Amino acid sequence: MGKKKLLKKLQDFFDADQREKERHLSDIKRILKKLKEKERKLQKDLELCGIGDKCEALKQELDIIYAQRMKGVKIVKEIKDKGKGKT
């Protein structure tokens, strides 16, 4: 196998890795968008809620969703930074 062919195979390998990262990134972004919508809905429900167990449950669920969104945003930033060559 010649150098050009080997280099082409190597480039195809690296491109496949990049495509996989981009697909993974788009999946995370889609999930984050859904979580944001759910967070907004829960926030509205919480505003309408009075005092009681239901309100506490909504607050707890809202806190969990917020924490998970922040983890997802952090992962997206890390992936983007690695793609730009930052560590």
PDB file of N, CA and C in Angstrom:
ATOM      1  N   MET A   1       0.852  -1.167   0.000  1.00  0.00           N
ATOM      2  CA  MET A   1       0.000   0.000   0.000  1.00  0.00           C
ATOM      3  C   MET A   1       0.903   1.237   0.000  1.00  0.00           C
ATOM      4  N   GLY A   2       0.591   2.178  -0.848  1.00  0.00           N
ATOM      5  CA  GLY A   2       1.402   3.380  -0.965  1.00  0.00           C
ATOM      6  C   GLY A   2       1.112   4.389   0.135  1.00  0.00           C
ATOM      7  N   LYS A   3       1.982   5.396   0.210  1.00  0.00           N
ATOM      8  CA  LYS A   3       1.827   6.435   1.226  1.00  0.00           C
ATOM      9  C   LYS A   3       0.506   7.177   1.087  1.00  0.00           C
ATOM     10  N   LYS A   4       0.141   7.513  -0.137  1.00  0.00           N
ATOM     11  CA  LYS A   4      -1.098   8.258  -0.350  1.00  0.00           C
ATOM     12  C   LYS A   4      -2.303   7.474   0.146  1.00  0.00           C
ATOM     13  N   LYS A   5      -2.306   6.187  -0.135  1.00  0.00           N
ATOM     14  CA  LYS A   5      -3.431   5.343   0.280  1.00  0.00           C
ATOM     15  C   LYS A   5      -3.485   5.237   1.807  1.00  0.00           C
ATOM     16  N   LEU A   6      -2.322   5.070   2.428  1.00  0.00           N
ATOM     17  CA  LEU A   6      -2.264   4.984   3.883  1.00  0.00           C
ATOM     18  C   LEU A   6      -2.699   6.297   4.532  1.00  0.00           C
ATOM     19  N   LEU A   7      -2.244   7.409   3.960  1.00  0.00           N
ATOM     20  CA  LEU A   7      -2.639   8.710   4.488  1.00  0.00           C
ATOM     21  C   LEU A   7      -4.136   8.948   4.326  1.00  0.00           C
ATOM     22  N   LYS A   8      -4.683   8.501   3.213  1.00  0.00           N
ATOM     23  CA  LYS A   8      -6.128   8.637   2.990  1.00  0.00           C
ATOM     24  C   LYS A   8      -6.903   7.830   4.026  1.00  0.00           C
ATOM     25  N   LYS A   9      -6.464   6.606   4.289  1.00  0.00           N
ATOM     26  CA  LYS A   9      -7.139   5.767   5.293  1.00  0.00           C
ATOM     27  C   LYS A   9      -7.045   6.406   6.677  1.00  0.00           C
ATOM     28  N   LEU A  10      -5.887   6.963   6.987  1.00  0.00           N
ATOM     29  CA  LEU A  10      -5.700   7.617   8.270  1.00  0.00           C
ATOM     30  C   LEU A  10      -6.613   8.836   8.391  1.00  0.00           C
ATOM     31  N   GLN A  11      -6.703   9.613   7.332  1.00  0.00           N
ATOM     32  CA  GLN A  11      -7.576  10.788   7.332  1.00  0.00           C
ATOM     33  C   GLN A  11      -9.039  10.382   7.475  1.00  0.00           C
ATOM     34  N   ASP A  12      -9.437   9.325   6.801  1.00  0.00           N
ATOM     35  CA  ASP A  12     -10.804   8.823   6.931  1.00  0.00           C
ATOM     36  C   ASP A  12     -11.093   8.412   8.370  1.00  0.00           C
ATOM     37  N   PHE A  13     -10.106   7.804   9.017  1.00  0.00           N
ATOM     38  CA  PHE A  13     -10.256   7.397  10.419  1.00  0.00           C
ATOM     39  C   PHE A  13     -10.469   8.617  11.304  1.00  0.00           C
ATOM     40  N   PHE A  14      -9.652   9.656  11.119  1.00  0.00           N
ATOM     41  CA  PHE A  14      -9.786  10.858  11.938  1.00  0.00           C
ATOM     42  C   PHE A  14     -11.104  11.577  11.659  1.00  0.00           C
ATOM     43  N   ASP A  15     -11.510  11.595  10.411  1.00  0.00           N
ATOM     44  CA  ASP A  15     -12.779  12.230  10.055  1.00  0.00           C
ATOM     45  C   ASP A  15     -13.952  11.499  10.695  1.00  0.00           C
ATOM     46  N   ALA A  16     -13.880  10.179  10.754  1.00  0.00           N
ATOM     47  CA  ALA A  16     -14.951   9.389  11.371  1.00  0.00           C
ATOM     48  C   ALA A  16     -15.051   9.740  12.853  1.00  0.00           C
ATOM     49  N   ASP A  17     -13.908   9.920  13.504  1.00  0.00           N
ATOM     50  CA  ASP A  17     -13.898  10.278  14.914  1.00  0.00           C
ATOM     51  C   ASP A  17     -14.544  11.648  15.113  1.00  0.00           C
ATOM     52  N   GLN A  18     -14.233  12.588  14.240  1.00  0.00           N
ATOM     53  CA  GLN A  18     -14.814  13.927  14.332  1.00  0.00           C
ATOM     54  C   GLN A  18     -16.324  13.887  14.082  1.00  0.00           C
ATOM     55  N   ARG A  19     -16.756  13.098  13.106  1.00  0.00           N
ATOM     56  CA  ARG A  19     -18.196  12.976  12.833  1.00  0.00           C
ATOM     57  C   ARG A  19     -18.922  12.394  14.040  1.00  0.00           C
ATOM     58  N   GLU A  20     -18.288  11.433  14.695  1.00  0.00           N
ATOM     59  CA  GLU A  20     -18.890  10.821  15.884  1.00  0.00           C
ATOM     60  C   GLU A  20     -19.027  11.867  17.002  1.00  0.00           C
ATOM     61  N   LYS A  21     -18.004  12.692  17.189  1.00  0.00           N
ATOM     62  CA  LYS A  21     -18.066  13.739  18.205  1.00  0.00           C
ATOM     63  C   LYS A  21     -19.170  14.736  17.880  1.00  0.00           C
ATOM     64  N   GLU A  22     -19.276  15.118  16.610  1.00  0.00           N
ATOM     65  CA  GLU A  22     -20.308  16.071  16.209  1.00  0.00           C
ATOM     66  C   GLU A  22     -21.706  15.489  16.415  1.00  0.00           C
ATOM     67  N   ARG A  23     -21.874  14.205  16.118  1.00  0.00           N
ATOM     68  CA  ARG A  23     -23.167  13.558  16.337  1.00  0.00           C
ATOM     69  C   ARG A  23     -23.491  13.518  17.831  1.00  0.00           C
ATOM     70  N   HIS A  24     -22.496  13.183  18.625  1.00  0.00           N
ATOM     71  CA  HIS A  24     -22.666  13.127  20.071  1.00  0.00           C
ATOM     72  C   HIS A  24     -23.021  14.516  20.609  1.00  0.00           C
ATOM     73  N   LEU A  25     -22.354  15.528  20.089  1.00  0.00           N
ATOM     74  CA  LEU A  25     -22.614  16.899  20.510  1.00  0.00           C
ATOM     75  C   LEU A  25     -24.036  17.322  20.152  1.00  0.00           C
ATOM     76  N   SER A  26     -24.484  16.968  18.962  1.00  0.00           N
ATOM     77  CA  SER A  26     -25.845  17.338  18.564  1.00  0.00           C
ATOM     78  C   SER A  26     -26.887  16.604  19.413  1.00  0.00           C
ATOM     79  N   ASP A  27     -26.601  15.362  19.790  1.00  0.00           N
ATOM     80  CA  ASP A  27     -27.509  14.624  20.672  1.00  0.00           C
ATOM     81  C   ASP A  27     -27.624  15.315  22.031  1.00  0.00           C
ATOM     82  N   ILE A  28     -26.490  15.734  22.569  1.00  0.00           N
ATOM     83  CA  ILE A  28     -26.495  16.409  23.866  1.00  0.00           C
ATOM     84  C   ILE A  28     -27.266  17.719  23.779  1.00  0.00           C
ATOM     85  N   LYS A  29     -27.041  18.473  22.701  1.00  0.00           N
ATOM     86  CA  LYS A  29     -27.749  19.751  22.544  1.00  0.00           C
ATOM     87  C   LYS A  29     -29.261  19.542  22.457  1.00  0.00           C
ATOM     88  N   ARG A  30     -29.681  18.489  21.753  1.00  0.00           N
ATOM     89  CA  ARG A  30     -31.115  18.195  21.633  1.00  0.00           C
ATOM     90  C   ARG A  30     -31.706  17.874  23.007  1.00  0.00           C
ATOM     91  N   ILE A  31     -30.989  17.099  23.792  1.00  0.00           N
ATOM     92  CA  ILE A  31     -31.451  16.742  25.130  1.00  0.00           C
ATOM     93  C   ILE A  31     -31.499  17.968  26.027  1.00  0.00           C
ATOM     94  N   LEU A  32     -30.480  18.829  25.917  1.00  0.00           N
ATOM     95  CA  LEU A  32     -30.461  20.048  26.721  1.00  0.00           C
ATOM     96  C   LEU A  32     -31.647  20.950  26.400  1.00  0.00           C
ATOM     97  N   LYS A  33     -32.008  21.005  25.134  1.00  0.00           N
ATOM     98  CA  LYS A  33     -33.147  21.825  24.733  1.00  0.00           C
ATOM     99  C   LYS A  33     -34.437  21.287  25.356  1.00  0.00           C
ATOM    100  N   LYS A  34     -34.598  19.966  25.350  1.00  0.00           N
ATOM    101  CA  LYS A  34     -35.790  19.369  25.949  1.00  0.00           C
ATOM    102  C   LYS A  34     -35.823  19.606  27.457  1.00  0.00           C
ATOM    103  N   LEU A  35     -34.651  19.506  28.093  1.00  0.00           N
ATOM    104  CA  LEU A  35     -34.596  19.753  29.534  1.00  0.00           C
ATOM    105  C   LEU A  35     -34.937  21.204  29.860  1.00  0.00           C
ATOM    106  N   LYS A  36     -34.497  22.123  29.028  1.00  0.00           N
ATOM    107  CA  LYS A  36     -34.806  23.542  29.244  1.00  0.00           C
ATOM    108  C   LYS A  36     -36.308  23.781  29.143  1.00  0.00           C
ATOM    109  N   GLU A  37     -36.952  23.150  28.149  1.00  0.00           N
ATOM    110  CA  GLU A  37     -38.408  23.283  28.012  1.00  0.00           C
ATOM    111  C   GLU A  37     -39.113  22.737  29.247  1.00  0.00           C
ATOM    112  N   LYS A  38     -38.649  21.587  29.721  1.00  0.00           N
ATOM    113  CA  LYS A  38     -39.256  20.986  30.903  1.00  0.00           C
ATOM    114  C   LYS A  38     -39.022  21.863  32.131  1.00  0.00           C
ATOM    115  N   GLU A  39     -37.833  22.448  32.213  1.00  0.00           N
ATOM    116  CA  GLU A  39     -37.520  23.336  33.333  1.00  0.00           C
ATOM    117  C   GLU A  39     -38.441  24.554  33.336  1.00  0.00           C
ATOM    118  N   ARG A  40     -38.670  25.132  32.180  1.00  0.00           N
ATOM    119  CA  ARG A  40     -39.573  26.287  32.080  1.00  0.00           C
ATOM    120  C   ARG A  40     -40.995  25.923  32.485  1.00  0.00           C
ATOM    121  N   LYS A  41     -41.451  24.756  32.049  1.00  0.00           N
ATOM    122  CA  LYS A  41     -42.799  24.302  32.408  1.00  0.00           C
ATOM    123  C   LYS A  41     -42.914  24.102  33.919  1.00  0.00           C
ATOM    124  N   LEU A  42     -41.904  23.479  34.506  1.00  0.00           N
ATOM    125  CA  LEU A  42     -41.926  23.270  35.954  1.00  0.00           C
ATOM    126  C   LEU A  42     -41.874  24.605  36.705  1.00  0.00           C
ATOM    127  N   GLN A  43     -41.119  25.561  36.170  1.00  0.00           N
ATOM    128  CA  GLN A  43     -41.043  26.877  36.809  1.00  0.00           C
ATOM    129  C   GLN A  43     -42.414  27.544  36.823  1.00  0.00           C
ATOM    130  N   LYS A  44     -43.137  27.440  35.696  1.00  0.00           N
ATOM    131  CA  LYS A  44     -44.495  27.997  35.645  1.00  0.00           C
ATOM    132  C   LYS A  44     -45.419  27.286  36.632  1.00  0.00           C
ATOM    133  N   ASP A  45     -45.328  25.955  36.675  1.00  0.00           N
ATOM    134  CA  ASP A  45     -46.148  25.186  37.605  1.00  0.00           C
ATOM    135  C   ASP A  45     -45.842  25.572  39.051  1.00  0.00           C
ATOM    136  N   LEU A  46     -44.564  25.811  39.325  1.00  0.00           N
ATOM    137  CA  LEU A  46     -44.147  26.181  40.678  1.00  0.00           C
ATOM    138  C   LEU A  46     -44.691  27.556  41.057  1.00  0.00           C
ATOM    139  N   GLU A  47     -44.721  28.476  40.101  1.00  0.00           N
ATOM    140  CA  GLU A  47     -45.267  29.806  40.366  1.00  0.00           C
ATOM    141  C   GLU A  47     -46.763  29.736  40.695  1.00  0.00           C
ATOM    142  N   LEU A  48     -47.465  28.817  40.053  1.00  0.00           N
ATOM    143  CA  LEU A  48     -48.903  28.669  40.285  1.00  0.00           C
ATOM    144  C   LEU A  48     -49.208  27.868  41.549  1.00  0.00           C
ATOM    145  N   CYS A  49     -48.216  27.134  42.010  1.00  0.00           N
ATOM    146  CA  CYS A  49     -48.388  26.251  43.159  1.00  0.00           C
ATOM    147  C   CYS A  49     -48.433  27.064  44.449  1.00  0.00           C
ATOM    148  N   GLY A  50     -49.201  26.599  45.361  1.00  0.00           N
ATOM    149  CA  GLY A  50     -49.261  27.239  46.676  1.00  0.00           C
ATOM    150  C   GLY A  50     -48.167  26.681  47.562  1.00  0.00           C
ATOM    151  N   ILE A  51     -48.549  26.342  48.773  1.00  0.00           N
ATOM    152  CA  ILE A  51     -47.610  25.759  49.725  1.00  0.00           C
ATOM    153  C   ILE A  51     -48.037  24.316  49.956  1.00  0.00           C
ATOM    154  N   GLY A  52     -47.070  23.422  50.003  1.00  0.00           N
ATOM    155  CA  GLY A  52     -47.410  22.033  50.268  1.00  0.00           C
ATOM    156  C   GLY A  52     -46.388  21.068  49.707  1.00  0.00           C
ATOM    157  N   ASP A  53     -46.756  19.806  49.814  1.00  0.00           N
ATOM    158  CA  ASP A  53     -45.852  18.753  49.359  1.00  0.00           C
ATOM    159  C   ASP A  53     -45.634  18.793  47.859  1.00  0.00           C
ATOM    160  N   LYS A  54     -46.676  19.144  47.125  1.00  0.00           N
ATOM    161  CA  LYS A  54     -46.554  19.211  45.669  1.00  0.00           C
ATOM    162  C   LYS A  54     -45.531  20.269  45.278  1.00  0.00           C
ATOM    163  N   CYS A  55     -45.550  21.385  45.985  1.00  0.00           N
ATOM    164  CA  CYS A  55     -44.617  22.478  45.717  1.00  0.00           C
ATOM    165  C   CYS A  55     -43.180  22.037  45.993  1.00  0.00           C
ATOM    166  N   GLU A  56     -42.969  21.342  47.076  1.00  0.00           N
ATOM    167  CA  GLU A  56     -41.632  20.849  47.419  1.00  0.00           C
ATOM    168  C   GLU A  56     -41.135  19.849  46.374  1.00  0.00           C
ATOM    169  N   ALA A  57     -42.029  18.993  45.917  1.00  0.00           N
ATOM    170  CA  ALA A  57     -41.660  18.013  44.896  1.00  0.00           C
ATOM    171  C   ALA A  57     -41.268  18.715  43.596  1.00  0.00           C
ATOM    172  N   LEU A  58     -42.012  19.764  43.242  1.00  0.00           N
ATOM    173  CA  LEU A  58     -41.688  20.531  42.038  1.00  0.00           C
ATOM    174  C   LEU A  58     -40.327  21.219  42.175  1.00  0.00           C
ATOM    175  N   LYS A  59     -40.064  21.794  43.345  1.00  0.00           N
ATOM    176  CA  LYS A  59     -38.769  22.447  43.582  1.00  0.00           C
ATOM    177  C   LYS A  59     -37.628  21.446  43.457  1.00  0.00           C
ATOM    178  N   GLN A  60     -37.830  20.268  44.032  1.00  0.00           N
ATOM    179  CA  GLN A  60     -36.791  19.242  43.986  1.00  0.00           C
ATOM    180  C   GLN A  60     -36.538  18.790  42.542  1.00  0.00           C
ATOM    181  N   GLU A  61     -37.604  18.566  41.801  1.00  0.00           N
ATOM    182  CA  GLU A  61     -37.469  18.146  40.409  1.00  0.00           C
ATOM    183  C   GLU A  61     -36.799  19.251  39.578  1.00  0.00           C
ATOM    184  N   LEU A  62     -37.151  20.489  39.850  1.00  0.00           N
ATOM    185  CA  LEU A  62     -36.566  21.633  39.158  1.00  0.00           C
ATOM    186  C   LEU A  62     -35.066  21.718  39.446  1.00  0.00           C
ATOM    187  N   ASP A  63     -34.673  21.506  40.695  1.00  0.00           N
ATOM    188  CA  ASP A  63     -33.254  21.530  41.063  1.00  0.00           C
ATOM    189  C   ASP A  63     -32.475  20.422  40.355  1.00  0.00           C
ATOM    190  N   ILE A  64     -33.069  19.250  40.255  1.00  0.00           N
ATOM    191  CA  ILE A  64     -32.420  18.120  39.589  1.00  0.00           C
ATOM    192  C   ILE A  64     -32.225  18.416  38.108  1.00  0.00           C
ATOM    193  N   ILE A  65     -33.265  18.922  37.470  1.00  0.00           N
ATOM    194  CA  ILE A  65     -33.176  19.241  36.038  1.00  0.00           C
ATOM    195  C   ILE A  65     -32.129  20.324  35.801  1.00  0.00           C
ATOM    196  N   TYR A  66     -32.108  21.326  36.657  1.00  0.00           N
ATOM    197  CA  TYR A  66     -31.130  22.404  36.506  1.00  0.00           C
ATOM    198  C   TYR A  66     -29.700  21.858  36.626  1.00  0.00           C
ATOM    199  N   ALA A  67     -29.471  21.010  37.614  1.00  0.00           N
ATOM    200  CA  ALA A  67     -28.133  20.438  37.816  1.00  0.00           C
ATOM    201  C   ALA A  67     -27.712  19.600  36.607  1.00  0.00           C
ATOM    202  N   GLN A  68     -28.634  18.817  36.072  1.00  0.00           N
ATOM    203  CA  GLN A  68     -28.316  17.986  34.914  1.00  0.00           C
ATOM    204  C   GLN A  68     -28.034  18.847  33.682  1.00  0.00           C
ATOM    205  N   ARG A  69     -28.781  19.928  33.524  1.00  0.00           N
ATOM    206  CA  ARG A  69     -28.532  20.836  32.399  1.00  0.00           C
ATOM    207  C   ARG A  69     -27.151  21.456  32.502  1.00  0.00           C
ATOM    208  N   MET A  70     -26.765  21.854  33.703  1.00  0.00           N
ATOM    209  CA  MET A  70     -25.454  22.466  33.888  1.00  0.00           C
ATOM    210  C   MET A  70     -24.333  21.464  33.574  1.00  0.00           C
ATOM    211  N   LYS A  71     -24.530  20.201  33.946  1.00  0.00           N
ATOM    212  CA  LYS A  71     -23.553  19.172  33.601  1.00  0.00           C
ATOM    213  C   LYS A  71     -23.454  19.025  32.085  1.00  0.00           C
ATOM    214  N   GLY A  72     -24.590  19.034  31.420  1.00  0.00           N
ATOM    215  CA  GLY A  72     -24.609  18.916  29.964  1.00  0.00           C
ATOM    216  C   GLY A  72     -23.939  20.090  29.283  1.00  0.00           C
ATOM    217  N   VAL A  73     -24.188  21.299  29.777  1.00  0.00           N
ATOM    218  CA  VAL A  73     -23.563  22.497  29.211  1.00  0.00           C
ATOM    219  C   VAL A  73     -22.052  22.423  29.388  1.00  0.00           C
ATOM    220  N   LYS A  74     -21.617  21.954  30.538  1.00  0.00           N
ATOM    221  CA  LYS A  74     -20.184  21.813  30.802  1.00  0.00           C
ATOM    222  C   LYS A  74     -19.552  20.820  29.819  1.00  0.00           C
ATOM    223  N   ILE A  75     -20.222  19.724  29.563  1.00  0.00           N
ATOM    224  CA  ILE A  75     -19.718  18.725  28.620  1.00  0.00           C
ATOM    225  C   ILE A  75     -19.635  19.303  27.212  1.00  0.00           C
ATOM    226  N   VAL A  76     -20.652  20.050  26.797  1.00  0.00           N
ATOM    227  CA  VAL A  76     -20.653  20.673  25.467  1.00  0.00           C
ATOM    228  C   VAL A  76     -19.467  21.624  25.342  1.00  0.00           C
ATOM    229  N   LYS A  77     -19.234  22.442  26.370  1.00  0.00           N
ATOM    230  CA  LYS A  77     -18.105  23.375  26.342  1.00  0.00           C
ATOM    231  C   LYS A  77     -16.778  22.630  26.253  1.00  0.00           C
ATOM    232  N   GLU A  78     -16.648  21.529  26.998  1.00  0.00           N
ATOM    233  CA  GLU A  78     -15.408  20.752  26.970  1.00  0.00           C
ATOM    234  C   GLU A  78     -15.166  20.166  25.587  1.00  0.00           C
ATOM    235  N   ILE A  79     -16.214  19.639  24.970  1.00  0.00           N
ATOM    236  CA  ILE A  79     -16.080  19.057  23.643  1.00  0.00           C
ATOM    237  C   ILE A  79     -15.685  20.126  22.632  1.00  0.00           C
ATOM    238  N   LYS A  80     -16.324  21.286  22.713  1.00  0.00           N
ATOM    239  CA  LYS A  80     -16.000  22.373  21.790  1.00  0.00           C
ATOM    240  C   LYS A  80     -14.573  22.862  21.999  1.00  0.00           C
ATOM    241  N   ASP A  81     -14.145  22.978  23.267  1.00  0.00           N
ATOM    242  CA  ASP A  81     -12.781  23.428  23.550  1.00  0.00           C
ATOM    243  C   ASP A  81     -11.745  22.437  23.027  1.00  0.00           C
ATOM    244  N   LYS A  82     -12.015  21.147  23.183  1.00  0.00           N
ATOM    245  CA  LYS A  82     -11.094  20.132  22.672  1.00  0.00           C
ATOM    246  C   LYS A  82     -11.032  20.172  21.155  1.00  0.00           C
ATOM    247  N   GLY A  83     -12.154  20.476  20.526  1.00  0.00           N
ATOM    248  CA  GLY A  83     -12.183  20.575  19.075  1.00  0.00           C
ATOM    249  C   GLY A  83     -11.376  21.746  18.547  1.00  0.00           C
ATOM    250  N   LYS A  84     -11.274  22.790  19.377  1.00  0.00           N
ATOM    251  CA  LYS A  84     -10.504  23.981  18.980  1.00  0.00           C
ATOM    252  C   LYS A  84      -9.034  23.838  19.354  1.00  0.00           C
ATOM    253  N   GLY A  85      -8.676  22.753  20.040  1.00  0.00           N
ATOM    254  CA  GLY A  85      -7.282  22.543  20.401  1.00  0.00           C
ATOM    255  C   GLY A  85      -6.939  22.984  21.802  1.00  0.00           C
ATOM    256  N   LYS A  86      -7.915  23.434  22.570  1.00  0.00           N
ATOM    257  CA  LYS A  86      -7.681  23.816  23.964  1.00  0.00           C
ATOM    258  C   LYS A  86      -7.751  22.568  24.819  1.00  0.00           C
ATOM    259  N   THR A  87      -7.138  22.638  26.007  1.00  0.00           N
ATOM    260  CA  THR A  87      -7.219  21.513  26.935  1.00  0.00           C
ATOM    261  C   THR A  87      -7.801  21.918  28.236  1.00  0.00           C
TER     262      THR A  87
END
